[in-house]
PDB file of N, CA and C in Angstrom:
ATOM      1  N   MET A   1      39.551 188.529  85.765  1.00  0.00           N
ATOM      2  CA  MET A   1      39.788 187.143  85.803  1.00  0.00           C
ATOM      3  C   MET A   1      39.975 187.278  86.939  1.00  0.00           C
ATOM      4  N   LYS A   2      39.832 185.714  87.667  1.00  0.00           N
ATOM      5  CA  LYS A   2      39.892 185.516  89.229  1.00  0.00           C
ATOM      6  C   LYS A   2      39.973 184.114  89.292  1.00  0.00           C
ATOM      7  N   ALA A   3      39.645 183.786  90.335  1.00  0.00           N
ATOM      8  CA  ALA A   3      40.232 182.652  91.002  1.00  0.00           C
ATOM      9  C   ALA A   3      39.085 181.075  90.511  1.00  0.00           C
ATOM     10  N   GLY A   4      39.353 180.037  89.867  1.00  0.00           N
ATOM     11  CA  GLY A   4      38.212 179.482  89.830  1.00  0.00           C
ATOM     12  C   GLY A   4      38.160 179.504  87.937  1.00  0.00           C
ATOM     13  N   ASP A   5      38.010 180.912  87.304  1.00  0.00           N
ATOM     14  CA  ASP A   5      37.999 181.342  85.849  1.00  0.00           C
ATOM     15  C   ASP A   5      38.912 179.937  84.587  1.00  0.00           C
ATOM     16  N   ASP A   6      38.308 179.208  84.185  1.00  0.00           N
ATOM     17  CA  ASP A   6      39.187 179.045  82.816  1.00  0.00           C
ATOM     18  C   ASP A   6      39.501 179.861  81.937  1.00  0.00           C
ATOM     19  N   VAL A   7      40.765 179.534  81.675  1.00  0.00           N
ATOM     20  CA  VAL A   7      41.741 180.610  79.982  1.00  0.00           C
ATOM     21  C   VAL A   7      42.539 179.826  79.019  1.00  0.00           C
ATOM     22  N   LYS A   8      43.570 180.946  78.637  1.00  0.00           N
ATOM     23  CA  LYS A   8      44.186 180.006  77.303  1.00  0.00           C
ATOM     24  C   LYS A   8      45.280 180.846  77.749  1.00  0.00           C
ATOM     25  N   HIS A   9      46.306 180.062  77.485  1.00  0.00           N
ATOM     26  CA  HIS A   9      47.377 180.922  77.576  1.00  0.00           C
ATOM     27  C   HIS A   9      48.077 181.191  76.164  1.00  0.00           C
ATOM     28  N   ILE A  10      47.902 181.906  76.227  1.00  0.00           N
ATOM     29  CA  ILE A  10      47.699 181.602  74.341  1.00  0.00           C
ATOM     30  C   ILE A  10      48.973 181.910  73.664  1.00  0.00           C
ATOM     31  N   PRO A  11      50.474 181.801  74.677  1.00  0.00           N
ATOM     32  CA  PRO A  11      51.960 181.367  74.154  1.00  0.00           C
ATOM     33  C   PRO A  11      52.366 180.249  74.299  1.00  0.00           C
ATOM     34  N   THR A  12      51.307 179.094  74.700  1.00  0.00           N
ATOM     35  CA  THR A  12      51.250 177.891  74.574  1.00  0.00           C
ATOM     36  C   THR A  12      50.053 176.945  74.576  1.00  0.00           C
ATOM     37  N   GLY A  13      49.148 177.626  74.399  1.00  0.00           N
ATOM     38  CA  GLY A  13      48.430 177.101  74.246  1.00  0.00           C
ATOM     39  C   GLY A  13      47.434 176.618  74.620  1.00  0.00           C
ATOM     40  N   GLU A  14      48.092 176.259  75.626  1.00  0.00           N
ATOM     41  CA  GLU A  14      47.343 175.526  76.686  1.00  0.00           C
ATOM     42  C   GLU A  14      45.669 176.467  77.227  1.00  0.00           C
ATOM     43  N   GLU A  15      45.116 174.953  78.510  1.00  0.00           N
ATOM     44  CA  GLU A  15      43.203 175.746  78.701  1.00  0.00           C
ATOM     45  C   GLU A  15      44.098 175.566  79.641  1.00  0.00           C
ATOM     46  N   TRP A  16      44.006 176.756  81.605  1.00  0.00           N
ATOM     47  CA  TRP A  16      44.148 176.350  82.213  1.00  0.00           C
ATOM     48  C   TRP A  16      42.906 177.046  82.998  1.00  0.00           C
ATOM     49  N   VAL A  17      42.774 176.295  84.152  1.00  0.00           N
ATOM     50  CA  VAL A  17      41.891 176.787  85.556  1.00  0.00           C
ATOM     51  C   VAL A  17      42.658 177.709  86.183  1.00  0.00           C
ATOM     52  N   LEU A  18      42.103 178.910  86.767  1.00  0.00           N
ATOM     53  CA  LEU A  18      42.931 179.527  87.785  1.00  0.00           C
ATOM     54  C   LEU A  18      42.817 179.397  88.896  1.00  0.00           C
ATOM     55  N   ALA A  19      43.859 179.028  89.520  1.00  0.00           N
ATOM     56  CA  ALA A  19      44.052 179.326  91.333  1.00  0.00           C
ATOM     57  C   ALA A  19      44.250 180.132  91.782  1.00  0.00           C
ATOM     58  N   GLY A  20      44.349 181.639  91.018  1.00  0.00           N
ATOM     59  CA  GLY A  20      44.677 182.295  91.773  1.00  0.00           C
ATOM     60  C   GLY A  20      44.742 184.253  90.568  1.00  0.00           C
ATOM     61  N   VAL A  21      44.833 185.108  90.585  1.00  0.00           N
ATOM     62  CA  VAL A  21      44.947 186.095  89.868  1.00  0.00           C
ATOM     63  C   VAL A  21      45.770 187.684  91.013  1.00  0.00           C
ATOM     64  N   ASP A  22      46.950 188.280  90.743  1.00  0.00           N
ATOM     65  CA  ASP A  22      46.882 189.216  91.126  1.00  0.00           C
ATOM     66  C   ASP A  22      47.082 190.650  90.040  1.00  0.00           C
ATOM     67  N   THR A  23      45.681 191.100  89.755  1.00  0.00           N
ATOM     68  CA  THR A  23      45.985 192.452  88.414  1.00  0.00           C
ATOM     69  C   THR A  23      47.259 193.368  89.760  1.00  0.00           C
ATOM     70  N   LYS A  24      47.865 193.338  90.540  1.00  0.00           N
ATOM     71  CA  LYS A  24      48.585 194.294  91.032  1.00  0.00           C
ATOM     72  C   LYS A  24      49.415 194.062  89.995  1.00  0.00           C
ATOM     73  N   ARG A  25      50.376 193.249  90.168  1.00  0.00           N
ATOM     74  CA  ARG A  25      51.339 192.149  89.493  1.00  0.00           C
ATOM     75  C   ARG A  25      51.826 191.938  88.241  1.00  0.00           C
ATOM     76  N   GLY A  26      49.839 191.459  87.901  1.00  0.00           N
ATOM     77  CA  GLY A  26      49.692 191.774  86.889  1.00  0.00           C
ATOM     78  C   GLY A  26      50.174 189.767  86.403  1.00  0.00           C
ATOM     79  N   GLU A  27      49.680 188.879  86.886  1.00  0.00           N
ATOM     80  CA  GLU A  27      50.242 187.470  86.900  1.00  0.00           C
ATOM     81  C   GLU A  27      48.942 186.500  87.295  1.00  0.00           C
ATOM     82  N   VAL A  28      48.886 185.408  86.598  1.00  0.00           N
ATOM     83  CA  VAL A  28      47.706 184.559  86.908  1.00  0.00           C
ATOM     84  C   VAL A  28      48.619 183.321  87.675  1.00  0.00           C
ATOM     85  N   TYR A  29      48.037 182.405  88.096  1.00  0.00           N
ATOM     86  CA  TYR A  29      48.749 181.321  88.678  1.00  0.00           C
ATOM     87  C   TYR A  29      47.728 180.412  88.937  1.00  0.00           C
ATOM     88  N   PRO A  30      48.260 179.658  87.452  1.00  0.00           N
ATOM     89  CA  PRO A  30      47.868 178.193  87.260  1.00  0.00           C
ATOM     90  C   PRO A  30      47.180 176.624  88.210  1.00  0.00           C
ATOM     91  N   ALA A  31      46.190 176.538  88.278  1.00  0.00           N
ATOM     92  CA  ALA A  31      45.988 175.363  89.848  1.00  0.00           C
ATOM     93  C   ALA A  31      46.576 174.178  88.925  1.00  0.00           C
ATOM     94  N   GLY A  32      47.440 173.348  89.399  1.00  0.00           N
ATOM     95  CA  GLY A  32      47.554 171.705  88.270  1.00  0.00           C
ATOM     96  C   GLY A  32      49.453 171.718  89.206  1.00  0.00           C
ATOM     97  N   TRP A  33      49.596 171.177  89.174  1.00  0.00           N
ATOM     98  CA  TRP A  33      51.542 171.199  89.301  1.00  0.00           C
ATOM     99  C   TRP A  33      51.980 170.652  87.896  1.00  0.00           C
ATOM    100  N   PRO A  34      53.553 171.321  87.932  1.00  0.00           N
ATOM    101  CA  PRO A  34      54.194 172.176  88.793  1.00  0.00           C
ATOM    102  C   PRO A  34      53.261 173.666  88.975  1.00  0.00           C
ATOM    103  N   GLU A  35      53.898 174.243  90.132  1.00  0.00           N
ATOM    104  CA  GLU A  35      52.946 175.614  90.567  1.00  0.00           C
ATOM    105  C   GLU A  35      54.029 176.192  89.437  1.00  0.00           C
ATOM    106  N   SER A  36      52.945 177.575  88.881  1.00  0.00           N
ATOM    107  CA  SER A  36      54.070 177.864  88.461  1.00  0.00           C
ATOM    108  C   SER A  36      53.060 179.490  87.986  1.00  0.00           C
ATOM    109  N   ILE A  37      53.502 180.423  87.957  1.00  0.00           N
ATOM    110  CA  ILE A  37      52.846 181.829  87.642  1.00  0.00           C
ATOM    111  C   ILE A  37      53.417 181.992  85.763  1.00  0.00           C
ATOM    112  N   ALA A  38      52.666 183.017  85.218  1.00  0.00           N
ATOM    113  CA  ALA A  38      52.313 183.610  84.103  1.00  0.00           C
ATOM    114  C   ALA A  38      51.497 185.332  84.606  1.00  0.00           C
ATOM    115  N   ASP A  39      51.593 185.504  82.933  1.00  0.00           N
ATOM    116  CA  ASP A  39      51.357 187.259  82.822  1.00  0.00           C
ATOM    117  C   ASP A  39      50.188 187.094  82.259  1.00  0.00           C
ATOM    118  N   ILE A  40      49.177 188.414  82.909  1.00  0.00           N
ATOM    119  CA  ILE A  40      47.824 187.787  82.659  1.00  0.00           C
ATOM    120  C   ILE A  40      47.245 188.259  81.188  1.00  0.00           C
ATOM    121  N   LYS A  41      48.764 189.332  80.874  1.00  0.00           N
ATOM    122  CA  LYS A  41      48.363 189.325  78.997  1.00  0.00           C
ATOM    123  C   LYS A  41      47.835 188.062  78.371  1.00  0.00           C
ATOM    124  N   ASP A  42      49.621 187.455  79.055  1.00  0.00           N
ATOM    125  CA  ASP A  42      49.363 186.214  77.888  1.00  0.00           C
ATOM    126  C   ASP A  42      48.005 185.354  77.499  1.00  0.00           C
ATOM    127  N   CYS A  43      46.750 185.675  79.039  1.00  0.00           N
ATOM    128  CA  CYS A  43      45.452 184.864  79.122  1.00  0.00           C
ATOM    129  C   CYS A  43      44.945 185.301  78.659  1.00  0.00           C
ATOM    130  N   GLU A  44      43.782 184.231  77.778  1.00  0.00           N
ATOM    131  CA  GLU A  44      42.508 184.950  77.713  1.00  0.00           C
ATOM    132  C   GLU A  44      41.490 184.250  78.038  1.00  0.00           C
ATOM    133  N   LEU A  45      40.308 185.010  78.647  1.00  0.00           N
ATOM    134  CA  LEU A  45      38.922 184.190  79.161  1.00  0.00           C
ATOM    135  C   LEU A  45      38.256 183.434  78.511  1.00  0.00           C
ATOM    136  N   ILE A  46      38.185 182.464  79.163  1.00  0.00           N
ATOM    137  CA  ILE A  46      37.283 181.216  78.110  1.00  0.00           C
ATOM    138  C   ILE A  46      36.206 180.839  78.798  1.00  0.00           C
ATOM    139  N   LEU A  47      36.099 180.824  80.257  1.00  0.00           N
ATOM    140  CA  LEU A  47      34.946 180.194  80.664  1.00  0.00           C
ATOM    141  C   LEU A  47      35.307 181.466  82.166  1.00  0.00           C
ATOM    142  N   SER A  48      34.176 182.181  82.882  1.00  0.00           N
ATOM    143  CA  SER A  48      33.848 183.224  84.198  1.00  0.00           C
ATOM    144  C   SER A  48      33.602 181.823  84.815  1.00  0.00           C
ATOM    145  N   CYS A  49      34.278 181.910  86.365  1.00  0.00           N
ATOM    146  CA  CYS A  49      33.603 180.676  87.184  1.00  0.00           C
ATOM    147  C   CYS A  49      32.713 181.865  87.981  1.00  0.00           C
ATOM    148  N   SER A  50      31.553 181.356  89.082  1.00  0.00           N
ATOM    149  CA  SER A  50      30.554 182.055  90.404  1.00  0.00           C
ATOM    150  C   SER A  50      31.374 182.980  91.196  1.00  0.00           C
ATOM    151  N   ASP A  51      30.787 184.113  92.040  1.00  0.00           N
ATOM    152  CA  ASP A  51      31.818 184.208  92.789  1.00  0.00           C
ATOM    153  C   ASP A  51      31.931 183.015  93.983  1.00  0.00           C
ATOM    154  N   LYS A  52      31.148 181.871  94.373  1.00  0.00           N
ATOM    155  CA  LYS A  52      31.093 180.906  94.844  1.00  0.00           C
ATOM    156  C   LYS A  52      31.739 179.757  94.365  1.00  0.00           C
ATOM    157  N   GLU A  53      32.698 179.875  92.962  1.00  0.00           N
ATOM    158  CA  GLU A  53      32.884 178.619  92.903  1.00  0.00           C
ATOM    159  C   GLU A  53      34.579 179.535  92.525  1.00  0.00           C
ATOM    160  N   SER A  54      34.601 180.803  93.071  1.00  0.00           N
ATOM    161  CA  SER A  54      35.686 182.068  92.866  1.00  0.00           C
ATOM    162  C   SER A  54      36.192 180.989  94.533  1.00  0.00           C
ATOM    163  N   LEU A  55      35.867 181.033  95.856  1.00  0.00           N
ATOM    164  CA  LEU A  55      36.055 181.820  96.817  1.00  0.00           C
ATOM    165  C   LEU A  55      36.336 179.880  97.232  1.00  0.00           C
ATOM    166  N   GLU A  56      35.609 178.905  97.038  1.00  0.00           N
ATOM    167  CA  GLU A  56      35.182 177.322  96.532  1.00  0.00           C
ATOM    168  C   GLU A  56      37.507 176.936  96.197  1.00  0.00           C
ATOM    169  N   THR A  57      37.803 177.690  95.082  1.00  0.00           N
ATOM    170  CA  THR A  57      38.881 177.659  94.786  1.00  0.00           C
ATOM    171  C   THR A  57      39.917 178.379  94.857  1.00  0.00           C
ATOM    172  N   LEU A  58      40.399 179.086  96.486  1.00  0.00           N
ATOM    173  CA  LEU A  58      40.899 180.436  97.354  1.00  0.00           C
ATOM    174  C   LEU A  58      40.387 178.955  98.414  1.00  0.00           C
ATOM    175  N   ARG A  59      40.522 178.709  98.352  1.00  0.00           N
ATOM    176  CA  ARG A  59      39.828 178.011 100.241  1.00  0.00           C
ATOM    177  C   ARG A  59      40.000 176.923  99.912  1.00  0.00           C
ATOM    178  N   GLN A  60      40.201 176.249  98.472  1.00  0.00           N
ATOM    179  CA  GLN A  60      41.669 175.060  98.280  1.00  0.00           C
ATOM    180  C   GLN A  60      42.452 175.005  98.521  1.00  0.00           C
ATOM    181  N   CYS A  61      43.070 176.581  97.826  1.00  0.00           N
ATOM    182  CA  CYS A  61      44.649 177.055  98.063  1.00  0.00           C
ATOM    183  C   CYS A  61      44.896 176.881  99.190  1.00  0.00           C
ATOM    184  N   LEU A  62      44.615 177.471 100.531  1.00  0.00           N
ATOM    185  CA  LEU A  62      44.601 177.929 101.576  1.00  0.00           C
ATOM    186  C   LEU A  62      45.371 176.116 102.840  1.00  0.00           C
ATOM    187  N   SER A  63      44.432 175.521 101.628  1.00  0.00           N
ATOM    188  CA  SER A  63      45.378 174.356 102.239  1.00  0.00           C
ATOM    189  C   SER A  63      47.221 173.814 101.475  1.00  0.00           C
ATOM    190  N   LEU A  64      47.352 174.247 100.855  1.00  0.00           N
ATOM    191  CA  LEU A  64      48.690 173.935 100.248  1.00  0.00           C
ATOM    192  C   LEU A  64      49.983 174.632 100.979  1.00  0.00           C
ATOM    193  N   ARG A  65      50.838 174.148 100.412  1.00  0.00           N
ATOM    194  CA  ARG A  65      52.437 175.065 101.673  1.00  0.00           C
ATOM    195  C   ARG A  65      52.161 176.042 101.625  1.00  0.00           C
ATOM    196  N   PRO A  66      52.997 176.970 102.801  1.00  0.00           N
ATOM    197  CA  PRO A  66      52.397 178.129 102.653  1.00  0.00           C
ATOM    198  C   PRO A  66      53.833 178.451 101.909  1.00  0.00           C
ATOM    199  N   SER A  67      54.699 178.115 100.839  1.00  0.00           N
ATOM    200  CA  SER A  67      55.679 179.084 100.772  1.00  0.00           C
ATOM    201  C   SER A  67      54.910 179.274  98.786  1.00  0.00           C
ATOM    202  N   ASP A  68      53.255 178.649  98.703  1.00  0.00           N
ATOM    203  CA  ASP A  68      52.983 177.864  97.619  1.00  0.00           C
ATOM    204  C   ASP A  68      52.663 179.831  96.982  1.00  0.00           C
ATOM    205  N   VAL A  69      53.011 179.958  96.247  1.00  0.00           N
ATOM    206  CA  VAL A  69      52.018 181.793  95.590  1.00  0.00           C
ATOM    207  C   VAL A  69      50.686 181.532  95.568  1.00  0.00           C
ATOM    208  N   ARG A  70      50.442 179.695  95.373  1.00  0.00           N
ATOM    209  CA  ARG A  70      48.816 180.040  94.623  1.00  0.00           C
ATOM    210  C   ARG A  70      48.853 179.909  97.179  1.00  0.00           C
ATOM    211  N   HIS A  71      49.300 179.558  97.486  1.00  0.00           N
ATOM    212  CA  HIS A  71      48.743 179.870  98.959  1.00  0.00           C
ATOM    213  C   HIS A  71      48.263 181.438  99.519  1.00  0.00           C
ATOM    214  N   ILE A  72      49.960 181.469  99.259  1.00  0.00           N
ATOM    215  CA  ILE A  72      49.903 183.024  99.703  1.00  0.00           C
ATOM    216  C   ILE A  72      48.796 184.360  99.097  1.00  0.00           C
ATOM    217  N   ASN A  73      48.656 184.053  97.683  1.00  0.00           N
ATOM    218  CA  ASN A  73      47.810 184.889  96.856  1.00  0.00           C
ATOM    219  C   ASN A  73      46.451 184.864  97.631  1.00  0.00           C
ATOM    220  N   ALA A  74      45.714 183.411  97.934  1.00  0.00           N
ATOM    221  CA  ALA A  74      45.505 182.698  98.596  1.00  0.00           C
ATOM    222  C   ALA A  74      44.505 183.647  99.786  1.00  0.00           C
ATOM    223  N   VAL A  75      45.577 183.680 101.231  1.00  0.00           N
ATOM    224  CA  VAL A  75      46.070 184.175 102.015  1.00  0.00           C
ATOM    225  C   VAL A  75      45.883 185.762 101.643  1.00  0.00           C
ATOM    226  N   ARG A  76      45.880 186.104 101.074  1.00  0.00           N
ATOM    227  CA  ARG A  76      45.848 187.943 100.752  1.00  0.00           C
ATOM    228  C   ARG A  76      44.757 188.283 100.183  1.00  0.00           C
ATOM    229  N   GLU A  77      44.166 187.780  99.142  1.00  0.00           N
ATOM    230  CA  GLU A  77      42.364 187.815  98.859  1.00  0.00           C
ATOM    231  C   GLU A  77      41.357 187.446  99.597  1.00  0.00           C
ATOM    232  N   MET A  78      41.408 186.290 101.025  1.00  0.00           N
ATOM    233  CA  MET A  78      40.654 185.695 101.386  1.00  0.00           C
ATOM    234  C   MET A  78      40.929 185.983 102.822  1.00  0.00           C
ATOM    235  N   LEU A  79      41.969 186.586 103.889  1.00  0.00           N
ATOM    236  CA  LEU A  79      42.673 186.768 105.048  1.00  0.00           C
ATOM    237  C   LEU A  79      42.472 188.172 105.338  1.00  0.00           C
ATOM    238  N   LEU A  80      43.638 188.360 105.204  1.00  0.00           N
ATOM    239  CA  LEU A  80      44.001 190.098 105.242  1.00  0.00           C
ATOM    240  C   LEU A  80      42.675 190.209 104.567  1.00  0.00           C
ATOM    241  N   PRO A  81      42.024 191.109 103.994  1.00  0.00           N
ATOM    242  CA  PRO A  81      41.120 192.118 104.048  1.00  0.00           C
ATOM    243  C   PRO A  81      39.822 192.098 105.113  1.00  0.00           C
ATOM    244  N   ALA A  82      39.841 190.755 105.868  1.00  0.00           N
ATOM    245  CA  ALA A  82      39.018 190.413 107.437  1.00  0.00           C
ATOM    246  C   ALA A  82      40.091 191.293 107.937  1.00  0.00           C
ATOM    247  N   TYR A  83      41.034 190.825 107.878  1.00  0.00           N
ATOM    248  CA  TYR A  83      42.070 191.119 109.545  1.00  0.00           C
ATOM    249  C   TYR A  83      42.366 192.826 109.363  1.00  0.00           C
ATOM    250  N   PHE A  84      42.143 193.188 108.458  1.00  0.00           N
ATOM    251  CA  PHE A  84      42.898 194.720 108.551  1.00  0.00           C
ATOM    252  C   PHE A  84      41.191 195.579 108.543  1.00  0.00           C
ATOM    253  N   LYS A  85      39.733 195.129 108.089  1.00  0.00           N
ATOM    254  CA  LYS A  85      38.448 195.310 109.475  1.00  0.00           C
ATOM    255  C   LYS A  85      38.341 195.643 110.174  1.00  0.00           C
ATOM    256  N   ARG A  86      39.079 194.915 110.375  1.00  0.00           N
ATOM    257  CA  ARG A  86      38.827 195.143 112.642  1.00  0.00           C
ATOM    258  C   ARG A  86      38.288 196.052 112.910  1.00  0.00           C
TER     259      ARG A  86
END
C-alpha cells in the first residue's frame, strides 16, 4: 500500500484514499478530516494508484500544517531521502 491507494478499513467498513503509509510502524494515514491513524493490518487494498498519483498525493500533504501526521509522513517519504543522498 502507498499514498493514493484506495483501501477498505475492515473494522468500520469505510473506504479510504490513503494520504500516506508507514510500513515500519504498521500505520496508514487516511486522507480527509479528521486526521487519523489506523493499523495497516486492518486495511484491505481495493485499488492501487500509479506511482505518479502517489507522488502527487504526497505533494499535496506537504501543504498541510507541519504537525499533521500526513505532512510528517510526506516529508519522510519525499524530502529526507533526497537530503541524505547529498
